[in-house]
Amino acid sequence: MRKIVFTEEFCNPRNLFPFTLTRQVQDIRVGILTIREKWELYLNCPSFDKFEDDYKDLERAVRLDEKTIGKDTIYLVHGNVLPTKKIIKQVKKLKAGEFLSVPEKESFVYCVSRAEVIDEHNIKVGKPVEIDEELNEIKAPWNIFGLNARAIAQDFELLTSGRKPEKISATNNVCDPANIFIEKGATVECCFLNAQAGPIYIGKDAVVMEGSLLRGPVAVCDEAVVKMGTRLYEGTTVGPKCTVGGEIKNSVLFGYSNKAHDGYMGDSVVGEWCNWGAGTSNSNLKNTASGIIVWTPDGPVNVGLKCGVFMGDYSRTAINTSINTGTVVGACANVYGNGLTPKFIPSFSWGSDGLQRYELDKALVDVNNWKILKGSALTSSEKIILKHIFEHY
């Protein structure tokens, strides 16, 4: 049997703050699918996480030793690499002891059997296989929206190849219907769907309400709701069970989050279980049209002319919040205040000034209340992760 084991060892997950506070790199959503889901579908095999000896080593974590591997063949994969058909074709040809690399870059997939395991921290692989292919890696938060349009197109092909979509209702105004795929159970009526510049994917049981304007590449994932009159521009992913409204451009909502009312979201990434109060908008371009400086754990970085907000899981904004250009919000922050937000809002902040802290017990109750609204509940694993973030970040 073949299995995937993802490793963060060479991916610098710290650089993907705030999203790697609460998840492994491979569980970041880019395009329609998470990185994990892409590899699993391409290779048609289950995946696990290499034990990294930290607070995110939960149910999927495994140690790479003789007992774990047994008679299986393991693909040890860098968790921040987006697979392509060409890469996958070569991965399937790898033999035990071989590893895959691209010119002038590090190796990123290793094929391992029990024979290659010396001990838990020492694996012997010797034969390189080089492939001439562009390697797309998620190394920083701005790579997520930067690669999202391309990733939507790749995932669209992966998910829809050889399949027939549901019929597009005649109530819709459509451009390039061959580039639109509607899954079973989805409802799309009285909308404008323009797929000339890229595909439009509507997931299972999703609802796109009347008057909405979608310009591909766009993904509306399973059970998501796009409210009346919403404008979704190219490069936008609305993750599973998200609810969105207003105007969204080149942004990714991972899942279970809400931007349900008018307001602008652009060149941004929003984690899971977040909520934007009515009228919340972010800036993605400075009035001086100069480079945008973004806070990172290792110091400020100039990321170019366009950058909105990076919001960690479980964070929320009050109504009419004005989010500054290139803002970073940690996990489980309750954001409110006058004027533009600060450029960095720490995890468990209460208010934008960061002077007050969200009490852990109250935060867990509030998170659970939000999860109940979508038919879910806070898990023991989530509590462990949030407690660690509260105590160490």
Protein backbone atom coordinates (compact mmCIF):
# COMPACT_ATOMS: atom_id res chain seq x y z
CA MET A 1 0.00 0.00 0.00
CA ARG A 2 1.13 3.53 -0.75
CA LYS A 3 0.66 6.43 1.68
CA ILE A 4 1.49 10.13 1.77
CA VAL A 5 3.26 11.57 4.80
CA PHE A 6 3.56 15.34 4.80
CA THR A 7 6.47 17.09 6.45
CA GLU A 8 6.82 20.73 7.48
CA GLU A 9 10.52 20.30 8.23
CA PHE A 10 11.73 22.29 5.21
CA CYS A 11 8.64 24.52 4.77
CA ASN A 12 9.32 27.17 7.45
CA PRO A 13 5.71 27.15 8.75
CA ARG A 14 6.55 30.09 11.00
CA ASN A 15 6.60 32.24 7.84
CA LEU A 16 2.93 31.38 7.18
CA PHE A 17 1.68 33.03 10.37
CA PRO A 18 -1.20 33.31 11.33
CA PHE A 19 -2.56 30.32 9.40
CA THR A 20 -0.05 27.78 10.70
CA LEU A 21 -0.89 28.66 14.29
CA THR A 22 -3.90 26.37 14.01
CA ARG A 23 -3.11 23.98 11.14
CA GLN A 24 -0.36 22.18 9.29
CA VAL A 25 0.93 23.84 6.12
CA GLN A 26 -0.68 21.13 3.98
CA ASP A 27 -4.14 22.05 5.28
CA ILE A 28 -4.01 25.54 3.77
CA ARG A 29 -6.62 26.04 1.05
CA VAL A 30 -5.28 27.35 -2.27
CA GLY A 31 -7.64 27.15 -5.23
CA ILE A 32 -10.65 24.89 -4.67
CA LEU A 33 -8.86 22.30 -2.50
CA THR A 34 -6.41 22.26 0.37
CA ILE A 35 -2.85 21.20 -0.44
CA ARG A 36 -3.53 17.88 1.32
CA GLU A 37 -6.67 17.24 -0.72
CA LYS A 38 -4.84 17.90 -3.98
CA TRP A 39 -2.14 15.30 -3.28
CA GLU A 40 -4.66 12.74 -2.01
CA LEU A 41 -6.81 13.06 -5.13
CA TYR A 42 -3.90 13.01 -7.58
CA LEU A 43 -2.25 9.98 -5.97
CA ASN A 44 -5.46 8.28 -4.81
CA CYS A 45 -4.03 7.35 -1.42
CA PRO A 46 -4.46 8.45 2.22
CA SER A 47 -2.26 11.02 3.92
CA PHE A 48 -0.72 11.54 7.34
CA ASP A 49 1.50 14.12 9.03
CA LYS A 50 5.08 13.47 10.08
CA PHE A 51 5.42 13.74 13.85
CA GLU A 52 7.09 17.12 14.46
CA ASP A 53 7.03 17.09 18.29
CA ASP A 54 4.82 20.17 18.67
CA TYR A 55 1.30 21.04 19.80
CA LYS A 56 -0.20 20.33 16.36
CA ASP A 57 0.80 16.65 16.44
CA LEU A 58 -2.73 15.29 16.68
CA GLU A 59 -4.70 12.38 15.20
CA ARG A 60 -2.88 12.26 11.83
CA ALA A 61 0.65 12.46 13.24
CA VAL A 62 2.90 9.43 12.62
CA ARG A 63 6.53 8.63 13.30
CA LEU A 64 8.63 7.46 10.38
CA ASP A 65 10.00 4.23 11.76
CA GLU A 66 10.07 0.59 10.68
CA LYS A 67 6.92 -0.22 12.66
CA THR A 68 4.89 2.61 11.09
CA ILE A 69 6.03 1.94 7.53
CA GLY A 70 5.86 -1.84 7.67
CA LYS A 71 5.39 -3.14 4.13
CA ASP A 72 4.03 0.17 2.83
CA THR A 73 5.67 2.61 0.44
CA ILE A 74 5.68 6.18 1.72
CA TYR A 75 5.73 9.39 -0.29
CA LEU A 76 7.33 11.90 2.07
CA VAL A 77 6.11 15.26 0.68
CA HIS A 78 6.92 18.86 1.55
CA GLY A 79 3.60 20.21 2.77
CA ASN A 80 3.84 23.59 1.03
CA VAL A 81 4.22 22.30 -2.58
CA LEU A 82 1.28 22.53 -4.98
CA PRO A 83 1.21 19.40 -7.17
CA THR A 84 0.79 19.47 -10.95
CA LYS A 85 -0.05 16.69 -13.39
CA LYS A 86 3.58 16.59 -14.54
CA ILE A 87 4.89 16.31 -10.98
CA ILE A 88 2.38 13.60 -10.09
CA LYS A 89 3.25 11.59 -13.20
CA GLN A 90 6.88 11.53 -12.12
CA VAL A 91 6.06 10.82 -8.46
CA LYS A 92 4.18 7.68 -9.49
CA LYS A 93 7.34 6.44 -11.22
CA LEU A 94 9.58 6.86 -8.15
CA LYS A 95 11.11 3.77 -6.64
CA ALA A 96 12.07 3.34 -3.00
CA GLY A 97 15.21 5.33 -2.25
CA GLU A 98 14.60 7.90 -5.00
CA PHE A 99 13.63 11.53 -4.52
CA LEU A 100 12.20 14.19 -6.81
CA SER A 101 13.66 17.66 -7.34
CA VAL A 102 13.57 20.54 -9.79
CA PRO A 103 16.61 22.36 -11.23
CA GLU A 104 18.46 24.56 -8.74
CA LYS A 105 15.97 23.82 -5.96
CA GLU A 106 15.73 21.38 -3.09
CA SER A 107 14.14 17.96 -3.34
CA PHE A 108 10.49 17.91 -2.31
CA VAL A 109 9.20 14.31 -2.60
CA TYR A 110 10.98 11.22 -1.24
CA CYS A 111 9.94 7.64 -1.90
CA VAL A 112 10.64 5.58 1.23
CA SER A 113 10.27 1.94 2.22
CA ARG A 114 11.32 0.23 5.44
CA ALA A 115 14.76 -0.38 3.95
CA GLU A 116 15.49 3.37 3.82
CA VAL A 117 14.73 3.98 7.52
CA ILE A 118 17.86 4.03 9.68
CA ASP A 119 16.03 5.50 12.67
CA GLU A 120 13.19 7.94 13.31
CA HIS A 121 15.29 10.98 12.41
CA ASN A 122 17.49 9.44 9.73
CA ILE A 123 16.19 8.28 6.36
CA LYS A 124 18.51 7.13 3.60
CA VAL A 125 17.58 8.26 0.08
CA GLY A 126 20.21 8.32 -2.59
CA LYS A 127 19.03 8.60 -6.15
CA PRO A 128 17.80 12.00 -7.37
CA VAL A 129 15.22 12.31 -10.13
CA GLU A 130 15.11 15.78 -11.62
CA ILE A 131 12.03 17.18 -13.33
CA ASP A 132 11.87 20.32 -15.46
CA GLU A 133 8.76 21.89 -13.97
CA GLU A 134 7.89 25.16 -12.24
CA LEU A 135 7.61 24.49 -8.52
CA ASN A 136 4.79 26.45 -6.88
CA GLU A 137 5.31 26.68 -3.13
CA ILE A 138 3.36 28.45 -0.41
CA LYS A 139 6.18 30.16 1.47
CA ALA A 140 4.38 33.27 2.74
CA PRO A 141 0.73 34.29 3.28
CA TRP A 142 0.68 36.50 0.17
CA ASN A 143 1.55 33.44 -1.97
CA ILE A 144 -1.93 32.10 -1.15
CA PHE A 145 -3.84 34.81 -3.01
CA GLY A 146 -0.97 35.24 -5.46
CA LEU A 147 -1.29 31.65 -6.70
CA ASN A 148 -5.02 31.25 -6.17
CA ALA A 149 -6.28 31.96 -9.70
CA ARG A 150 -3.84 29.43 -11.16
CA ALA A 151 -4.69 26.89 -8.47
CA ILE A 152 -8.44 27.24 -9.15
CA ALA A 153 -7.85 26.39 -12.81
CA GLN A 154 -5.69 23.36 -11.93
CA ASP A 155 -8.16 22.08 -9.34
CA PHE A 156 -11.05 22.64 -11.73
CA GLU A 157 -9.43 20.28 -14.23
CA LEU A 158 -8.61 17.73 -11.53
CA LEU A 159 -12.16 17.70 -10.11
CA THR A 160 -14.16 17.84 -13.32
CA SER A 161 -12.19 15.74 -15.82
CA GLY A 162 -14.44 13.09 -17.34
CA ARG A 163 -17.48 14.22 -15.37
CA LYS A 164 -20.70 15.95 -16.40
CA PRO A 165 -21.91 19.03 -14.53
CA GLU A 166 -25.47 19.78 -13.54
CA LYS A 167 -27.39 21.75 -16.14
CA ILE A 168 -27.05 25.53 -15.91
CA SER A 169 -30.45 27.11 -15.33
CA ALA A 170 -31.80 29.22 -18.19
CA THR A 171 -32.42 32.04 -15.71
CA ASN A 172 -28.67 32.78 -15.69
CA ASN A 173 -26.74 35.01 -18.09
CA VAL A 174 -23.70 32.91 -19.07
CA CYS A 175 -20.43 33.42 -20.96
CA ASP A 176 -18.43 30.30 -21.90
CA PRO A 177 -20.66 27.63 -20.29
CA ALA A 178 -18.13 24.89 -21.09
CA ASN A 179 -15.87 26.48 -18.47
CA ILE A 180 -18.51 26.33 -15.73
CA PHE A 181 -19.08 23.29 -13.53
CA ILE A 182 -22.02 23.04 -11.15
CA GLU A 183 -22.07 20.11 -8.72
CA LYS A 184 -25.15 18.14 -7.68
CA GLY A 185 -27.46 19.92 -5.26
CA ALA A 186 -26.15 23.43 -6.01
CA THR A 187 -28.65 26.24 -6.67
CA VAL A 188 -27.69 29.01 -9.11
CA GLU A 189 -30.51 31.22 -10.41
CA CYS A 190 -30.73 34.67 -12.04
CA CYS A 191 -26.96 35.27 -11.94
CA PHE A 192 -24.24 36.50 -14.30
CA LEU A 193 -21.54 33.86 -14.83
CA ASN A 194 -18.57 34.94 -16.95
CA ALA A 195 -16.00 32.16 -17.39
CA GLN A 196 -14.17 33.62 -20.39
CA ALA A 197 -11.05 34.49 -18.36
CA GLY A 198 -11.11 31.39 -16.17
CA PRO A 199 -13.32 28.58 -14.84
CA ILE A 200 -16.20 28.90 -12.40
CA TYR A 201 -16.75 26.03 -9.99
CA ILE A 202 -19.87 25.71 -7.83
CA GLY A 203 -19.65 22.96 -5.19
CA LYS A 204 -22.22 20.51 -3.87
CA ASP A 205 -25.29 22.05 -2.22
CA ALA A 206 -23.88 25.57 -2.63
CA VAL A 207 -26.33 28.44 -3.13
CA VAL A 208 -25.59 31.40 -5.40
CA MET A 209 -28.47 33.82 -4.97
CA GLU A 210 -30.06 35.97 -7.62
CA GLY A 211 -28.27 39.02 -8.94
CA SER A 212 -24.80 37.73 -8.10
CA LEU A 213 -21.96 38.45 -10.54
CA LEU A 214 -19.15 35.88 -10.86
CA ARG A 215 -16.10 36.47 -13.04
CA GLY A 216 -13.78 33.45 -13.23
CA PRO A 217 -11.56 31.95 -12.13
CA VAL A 218 -13.84 31.64 -9.09
CA ALA A 219 -14.62 28.76 -6.73
CA VAL A 220 -17.69 28.51 -4.52
CA CYS A 221 -17.10 25.37 -2.47
CA ASP A 222 -19.52 22.85 -0.96
CA GLU A 223 -22.48 24.27 0.98
CA ALA A 224 -21.26 27.86 0.66
CA VAL A 225 -23.80 30.67 0.29
CA VAL A 226 -23.33 33.66 -2.00
CA LYS A 227 -25.93 36.25 -1.03
CA MET A 228 -28.01 38.40 -3.40
CA GLY A 229 -26.09 40.87 -5.53
CA THR A 230 -22.63 39.66 -4.50
CA ARG A 231 -19.69 40.48 -6.82
CA LEU A 232 -16.97 37.83 -6.98
CA TYR A 233 -13.95 38.80 -9.06
CA GLU A 234 -11.25 36.56 -10.50
CA GLY A 235 -8.98 34.66 -8.13
CA THR A 236 -11.60 34.29 -5.39
CA THR A 237 -12.31 31.15 -3.39
CA VAL A 238 -15.32 30.92 -1.09
CA GLY A 239 -14.52 27.94 1.11
CA PRO A 240 -16.94 25.25 2.35
CA LYS A 241 -19.92 26.54 4.34
CA CYS A 242 -18.82 30.17 4.03
CA THR A 243 -21.42 32.90 3.59
CA VAL A 244 -20.40 35.92 1.52
CA GLY A 245 -21.86 39.18 0.28
CA GLY A 246 -20.66 42.53 -1.05
CA GLU A 247 -17.52 42.67 -3.21
CA ILE A 248 -14.63 40.18 -3.08
CA LYS A 249 -11.58 40.13 -5.35
CA ASN A 250 -8.59 37.77 -5.50
CA SER A 251 -9.14 36.46 -1.99
CA VAL A 252 -9.41 33.12 -0.20
CA LEU A 253 -11.80 32.24 2.62
CA PHE A 254 -10.64 28.85 3.94
CA GLY A 255 -14.00 27.62 5.21
CA TYR A 256 -16.89 28.16 7.66
CA SER A 257 -16.32 31.94 7.68
CA ASN A 258 -18.68 34.83 6.97
CA LYS A 259 -18.40 38.07 5.08
CA ALA A 260 -22.13 38.18 4.69
CA HIS A 261 -22.78 41.89 4.11
CA ASP A 262 -21.71 44.83 1.97
CA GLY A 263 -18.09 45.86 2.16
CA TYR A 264 -14.90 45.13 0.22
CA MET A 265 -12.43 42.26 0.60
CA GLY A 266 -9.45 42.32 -1.76
CA ASP A 267 -6.11 40.47 -2.03
CA SER A 268 -6.77 38.85 1.33
CA VAL A 269 -6.77 35.50 3.09
CA VAL A 270 -9.25 34.66 5.85
CA GLY A 271 -9.00 31.51 7.94
CA GLU A 272 -11.79 29.30 9.27
CA TRP A 273 -14.63 30.31 11.61
CA CYS A 274 -14.11 34.04 11.10
CA ASN A 275 -16.84 36.68 10.86
CA TRP A 276 -16.76 40.14 9.29
CA GLY A 277 -19.37 42.48 10.75
CA ALA A 278 -21.61 44.40 8.35
CA GLY A 279 -19.78 47.13 6.46
CA THR A 280 -16.29 45.81 7.23
CA SER A 281 -13.83 46.55 4.41
CA ASN A 282 -10.12 46.20 3.90
CA SER A 283 -7.69 48.42 2.03
CA ASN A 284 -5.44 46.63 -0.45
CA LEU A 285 -3.68 49.63 -2.05
CA LYS A 286 -1.98 52.54 -0.31
CA ASN A 287 -3.04 56.07 -1.23
CA THR A 288 0.59 56.72 -2.20
CA ALA A 289 0.59 53.68 -4.54
CA SER A 290 3.82 52.62 -2.84
CA GLY A 291 4.98 49.26 -1.52
CA ILE A 292 3.01 47.65 1.31
CA ILE A 293 4.91 46.63 4.42
CA VAL A 294 3.54 43.53 6.17
CA TRP A 295 4.35 42.37 9.69
CA THR A 296 5.97 38.91 9.90
CA PRO A 297 7.44 37.03 12.88
CA ASP A 298 10.93 37.77 11.51
CA GLY A 299 10.38 41.45 10.79
CA PRO A 300 8.60 43.69 8.27
CA VAL A 301 8.50 42.70 4.58
CA ASN A 302 7.65 44.78 1.50
CA VAL A 303 5.19 42.60 -0.43
CA GLY A 304 4.46 44.89 -3.39
CA LEU A 305 1.58 47.17 -4.34
CA LYS A 306 -1.44 44.98 -3.55
CA CYS A 307 -2.12 43.33 -0.21
CA GLY A 308 -5.17 43.29 2.04
CA VAL A 309 -5.53 41.35 5.29
CA PHE A 310 -4.36 37.99 6.64
CA MET A 311 -6.81 36.90 9.34
CA GLY A 312 -6.24 33.84 11.52
CA ASP A 313 -8.90 31.33 12.52
CA TYR A 314 -11.76 32.26 14.87
CA SER A 315 -11.20 36.03 14.56
CA ARG A 316 -14.05 38.52 14.11
CA THR A 317 -14.63 42.19 13.32
CA ALA A 318 -17.29 44.60 14.55
CA ILE A 319 -19.60 46.39 12.11
CA ASN A 320 -17.99 49.02 9.88
CA THR A 321 -14.46 47.99 10.79
CA SER A 322 -11.86 49.60 8.49
CA ILE A 323 -8.95 47.20 8.03
CA ASN A 324 -5.62 48.79 7.15
CA THR A 325 -3.54 47.86 4.09
CA GLY A 326 -1.41 44.77 4.69
CA THR A 327 -2.86 43.93 8.10
CA VAL A 328 -2.11 40.71 9.99
CA VAL A 329 -4.65 39.46 12.55
CA GLY A 330 -3.80 36.51 14.78
CA ALA A 331 -6.12 33.74 15.88
CA CYS A 332 -9.22 34.32 18.02
CA ALA A 333 -9.09 38.13 18.01
CA ASN A 334 -12.17 40.31 18.52
CA VAL A 335 -11.41 43.36 16.37
CA TYR A 336 -13.12 46.70 16.90
CA GLY A 337 -12.17 50.35 17.35
CA ASN A 338 -12.16 53.79 15.73
CA GLY A 339 -10.39 54.54 12.47
CA LEU A 340 -8.07 52.17 10.63
CA THR A 341 -6.89 49.07 12.46
CA PRO A 342 -3.25 48.64 13.48
CA LYS A 343 -1.13 46.70 11.00
CA PHE A 344 -0.70 43.84 13.47
CA ILE A 345 -3.34 42.57 15.88
CA PRO A 346 -2.11 39.74 18.14
CA SER A 347 -4.00 36.53 18.85
CA PHE A 348 -6.66 36.75 21.57
CA SER A 349 -6.83 40.56 21.29
CA TRP A 350 -9.95 42.25 22.60
CA GLY A 351 -10.23 45.43 20.53
CA SER A 352 -7.80 46.74 17.94
CA ASP A 353 -5.35 48.43 20.29
CA GLY A 354 -4.13 45.13 21.70
CA LEU A 355 -4.15 46.49 25.27
CA GLN A 356 -6.84 44.08 26.42
CA ARG A 357 -6.82 40.31 26.13
CA TYR A 358 -9.61 37.90 25.37
CA GLU A 359 -10.01 35.61 28.40
CA LEU A 360 -9.39 32.02 27.32
CA ASP A 361 -12.52 30.52 28.90
CA LYS A 362 -14.74 33.21 27.39
CA ALA A 363 -13.03 32.87 24.01
CA LEU A 364 -13.69 29.11 23.93
CA VAL A 365 -17.36 29.64 24.78
CA ASP A 366 -17.71 32.29 22.07
CA VAL A 367 -15.96 30.16 19.45
CA ASN A 368 -18.25 27.27 20.27
CA ASN A 369 -21.30 29.56 19.94
CA TRP A 370 -20.17 30.53 16.44
CA LYS A 371 -19.59 26.91 15.50
CA ILE A 372 -23.08 25.95 16.71
CA LEU A 373 -24.51 28.42 14.17
CA LYS A 374 -23.14 26.16 11.41
CA GLY A 375 -24.10 22.89 13.07
CA SER A 376 -20.70 22.15 14.59
CA ALA A 377 -18.98 22.30 17.98
CA LEU A 378 -15.53 23.01 19.39
CA THR A 379 -13.43 19.83 19.47
CA SER A 380 -10.95 18.71 22.11
CA SER A 381 -8.13 19.09 19.56
CA GLU A 382 -9.14 22.70 18.87
CA LYS A 383 -9.17 23.43 22.60
CA ILE A 384 -5.62 22.04 22.94
CA ILE A 385 -4.38 24.19 20.05
CA LEU A 386 -6.13 27.37 21.23
CA LYS A 387 -4.85 26.91 24.80
CA HIS A 388 -1.30 26.57 23.47
CA ILE A 389 -1.65 29.72 21.32
CA PHE A 390 -3.08 31.64 24.29
CA GLU A 391 -0.17 30.63 26.51
CA HIS A 392 2.69 31.00 24.04
CA TYR A 393 1.80 33.68 21.44
